[in-house]
Amino acid sequence: MACLGSLFTPLKKLWTRLHSKNKKRKGISILYQDVMSCPSEDVHVLWSMLVESGSAHHSSRSK
């Protein structure tokens, strides 16, 4: 029985990670659509600053 537990634990962790990432992507997609539908230029500027800081953060993490 312990053998089955050691087999399913990594699979359960992988399953959880895959589904949590999809939720985050869906949330970002909804936020992006809301930002693009907003007529205020300030919102678009803030969005571009957020995207640029996020891409800089990801590039520094990958080094």
N, C-alpha and C. Protein backbone atom coordinates (compact mmCIF):
# COMPACT_ATOMS: atom_id res chain seq x y z
N MET A 1 0.82 -1.19 0.00
CA MET A 1 0.00 0.00 0.00
C MET A 1 0.86 1.25 0.00
N ALA A 2 2.00 1.20 0.67
CA ALA A 2 2.90 2.36 0.70
C ALA A 2 3.47 2.61 -0.69
N CYS A 3 3.63 1.54 -1.45
CA CYS A 3 4.14 1.67 -2.81
C CYS A 3 3.16 2.47 -3.68
N LEU A 4 1.88 2.22 -3.52
CA LEU A 4 0.88 2.97 -4.27
C LEU A 4 0.87 4.44 -3.87
N GLY A 5 1.04 4.71 -2.59
CA GLY A 5 1.09 6.09 -2.11
C GLY A 5 2.27 6.83 -2.69
N SER A 6 3.43 6.17 -2.75
CA SER A 6 4.61 6.82 -3.30
C SER A 6 4.49 7.02 -4.81
N LEU A 7 3.68 6.23 -5.46
CA LEU A 7 3.45 6.38 -6.88
C LEU A 7 2.46 7.52 -7.17
N PHE A 8 1.41 7.62 -6.38
CA PHE A 8 0.36 8.60 -6.66
C PHE A 8 0.66 10.00 -6.13
N THR A 9 1.53 10.12 -5.13
CA THR A 9 1.83 11.44 -4.58
C THR A 9 2.45 12.37 -5.62
N PRO A 10 3.48 11.96 -6.37
CA PRO A 10 4.01 12.87 -7.41
C PRO A 10 2.99 13.18 -8.50
N LEU A 11 2.17 12.20 -8.84
CA LEU A 11 1.14 12.44 -9.85
C LEU A 11 0.10 13.45 -9.36
N LYS A 12 -0.25 13.35 -8.09
CA LYS A 12 -1.22 14.29 -7.52
C LYS A 12 -0.63 15.71 -7.50
N LYS A 13 0.65 15.84 -7.16
CA LYS A 13 1.30 17.15 -7.16
C LYS A 13 1.35 17.73 -8.57
N LEU A 14 1.66 16.90 -9.55
CA LEU A 14 1.70 17.35 -10.93
C LEU A 14 0.31 17.79 -11.39
N TRP A 15 -0.69 17.02 -11.06
CA TRP A 15 -2.07 17.34 -11.42
C TRP A 15 -2.47 18.70 -10.83
N THR A 16 -2.12 18.92 -9.56
CA THR A 16 -2.45 20.18 -8.89
C THR A 16 -1.74 21.34 -9.56
N ARG A 17 -0.47 21.18 -9.89
CA ARG A 17 0.28 22.26 -10.53
C ARG A 17 -0.28 22.60 -11.91
N LEU A 18 -0.63 21.60 -12.67
CA LEU A 18 -1.16 21.85 -14.01
C LEU A 18 -2.48 22.62 -13.94
N HIS A 19 -3.32 22.26 -13.02
CA HIS A 19 -4.61 22.92 -12.94
C HIS A 19 -4.52 24.31 -12.32
N SER A 20 -3.60 24.54 -11.42
CA SER A 20 -3.48 25.87 -10.83
C SER A 20 -2.91 26.86 -11.85
N LYS A 21 -2.02 26.41 -12.73
CA LYS A 21 -1.47 27.30 -13.75
C LYS A 21 -2.55 27.71 -14.74
N ASN A 22 -3.43 26.80 -15.08
CA ASN A 22 -4.50 27.14 -16.01
C ASN A 22 -5.42 28.21 -15.43
N LYS A 23 -5.67 28.15 -14.14
CA LYS A 23 -6.52 29.15 -13.51
C LYS A 23 -5.84 30.51 -13.55
N LYS A 24 -4.55 30.55 -13.31
CA LYS A 24 -3.82 31.81 -13.35
C LYS A 24 -3.84 32.39 -14.75
N ARG A 25 -3.62 31.58 -15.75
CA ARG A 25 -3.64 32.06 -17.13
C ARG A 25 -5.01 32.59 -17.50
N LYS A 26 -6.03 31.90 -17.08
CA LYS A 26 -7.39 32.33 -17.39
C LYS A 26 -7.66 33.68 -16.73
N GLY A 27 -7.19 33.87 -15.50
CA GLY A 27 -7.38 35.14 -14.81
C GLY A 27 -6.66 36.28 -15.51
N ILE A 28 -5.44 36.01 -15.98
CA ILE A 28 -4.67 37.03 -16.70
C ILE A 28 -5.36 37.36 -18.01
N SER A 29 -5.91 36.36 -18.66
CA SER A 29 -6.61 36.59 -19.92
C SER A 29 -7.83 37.48 -19.72
N ILE A 30 -8.57 37.23 -18.67
CA ILE A 30 -9.74 38.05 -18.37
C ILE A 30 -9.31 39.47 -18.03
N LEU A 31 -8.25 39.60 -17.25
CA LEU A 31 -7.75 40.93 -16.90
C LEU A 31 -7.29 41.67 -18.15
N TYR A 32 -6.60 40.98 -19.04
CA TYR A 32 -6.13 41.59 -20.29
C TYR A 32 -7.31 42.10 -21.11
N GLN A 33 -8.35 41.32 -21.22
CA GLN A 33 -9.53 41.73 -21.98
C GLN A 33 -10.19 42.96 -21.35
N ASP A 34 -10.23 42.99 -20.03
CA ASP A 34 -10.80 44.15 -19.34
C ASP A 34 -9.96 45.40 -19.57
N VAL A 35 -8.66 45.24 -19.52
CA VAL A 35 -7.76 46.39 -19.72
C VAL A 35 -7.91 46.92 -21.15
N MET A 36 -7.95 46.02 -22.12
CA MET A 36 -8.04 46.46 -23.52
C MET A 36 -9.40 47.10 -23.83
N SER A 37 -10.42 46.75 -23.10
CA SER A 37 -11.73 47.35 -23.35
C SER A 37 -11.89 48.70 -22.65
N CYS A 38 -10.97 49.03 -21.77
CA CYS A 38 -11.06 50.28 -21.03
C CYS A 38 -10.60 51.45 -21.92
N PRO A 39 -11.36 52.53 -21.98
CA PRO A 39 -11.00 53.65 -22.84
C PRO A 39 -9.89 54.55 -22.27
N SER A 40 -9.58 54.40 -21.00
CA SER A 40 -8.60 55.28 -20.36
C SER A 40 -7.17 54.93 -20.79
N GLU A 41 -6.43 55.92 -21.25
CA GLU A 41 -5.04 55.71 -21.67
C GLU A 41 -4.16 55.37 -20.47
N ASP A 42 -4.49 55.90 -19.30
CA ASP A 42 -3.70 55.62 -18.10
C ASP A 42 -3.69 54.13 -17.77
N VAL A 43 -4.80 53.49 -17.96
CA VAL A 43 -4.89 52.04 -17.70
C VAL A 43 -3.99 51.28 -18.65
N HIS A 44 -3.94 51.68 -19.90
CA HIS A 44 -3.09 51.02 -20.88
C HIS A 44 -1.61 51.22 -20.55
N VAL A 45 -1.26 52.40 -20.08
CA VAL A 45 0.13 52.68 -19.69
C VAL A 45 0.52 51.83 -18.49
N LEU A 46 -0.37 51.76 -17.51
CA LEU A 46 -0.08 50.93 -16.34
C LEU A 46 0.05 49.45 -16.73
N TRP A 47 -0.79 48.98 -17.63
CA TRP A 47 -0.72 47.60 -18.09
C TRP A 47 0.63 47.33 -18.77
N SER A 48 1.07 48.25 -19.63
CA SER A 48 2.35 48.05 -20.32
C SER A 48 3.51 48.05 -19.32
N MET A 49 3.42 48.89 -18.28
CA MET A 49 4.46 48.89 -17.25
C MET A 49 4.46 47.55 -16.51
N LEU A 50 3.29 47.03 -16.23
CA LEU A 50 3.18 45.75 -15.54
C LEU A 50 3.75 44.61 -16.38
N VAL A 51 3.44 44.61 -17.66
CA VAL A 51 3.92 43.56 -18.56
C VAL A 51 5.44 43.64 -18.69
N GLU A 52 5.97 44.85 -18.83
CA GLU A 52 7.42 45.01 -18.96
C GLU A 52 8.14 44.59 -17.69
N SER A 53 7.61 44.92 -16.54
CA SER A 53 8.26 44.53 -15.29
C SER A 53 8.17 43.02 -15.10
N GLY A 54 7.07 42.41 -15.55
CA GLY A 54 6.93 40.95 -15.46
C GLY A 54 7.90 40.23 -16.38
N SER A 55 8.10 40.76 -17.58
CA SER A 55 9.03 40.11 -18.51
C SER A 55 10.47 40.30 -18.03
N ALA A 56 10.79 41.42 -17.41
CA ALA A 56 12.12 41.63 -16.86
C ALA A 56 12.36 40.70 -15.69
N HIS A 57 11.32 40.48 -14.90
CA HIS A 57 11.42 39.58 -13.75
C HIS A 57 11.66 38.15 -14.22
N HIS A 58 10.95 37.72 -15.27
CA HIS A 58 11.10 36.36 -15.77
C HIS A 58 12.47 36.16 -16.42
N SER A 59 12.99 37.15 -17.12
CA SER A 59 14.29 37.00 -17.77
C SER A 59 15.40 36.96 -16.73
N SER A 60 15.26 37.67 -15.62
CA SER A 60 16.28 37.63 -14.59
C SER A 60 16.23 36.31 -13.82
N ARG A 61 15.06 35.71 -13.71
CA ARG A 61 14.92 34.42 -13.03
C ARG A 61 15.53 33.29 -13.85
N SER A 62 15.46 33.39 -15.17
CA SER A 62 15.93 32.30 -16.02
C SER A 62 17.44 32.28 -16.17
N LYS A 63 18.12 33.35 -15.77
CA LYS A 63 19.59 33.40 -15.90
C LYS A 63 20.28 32.63 -14.83
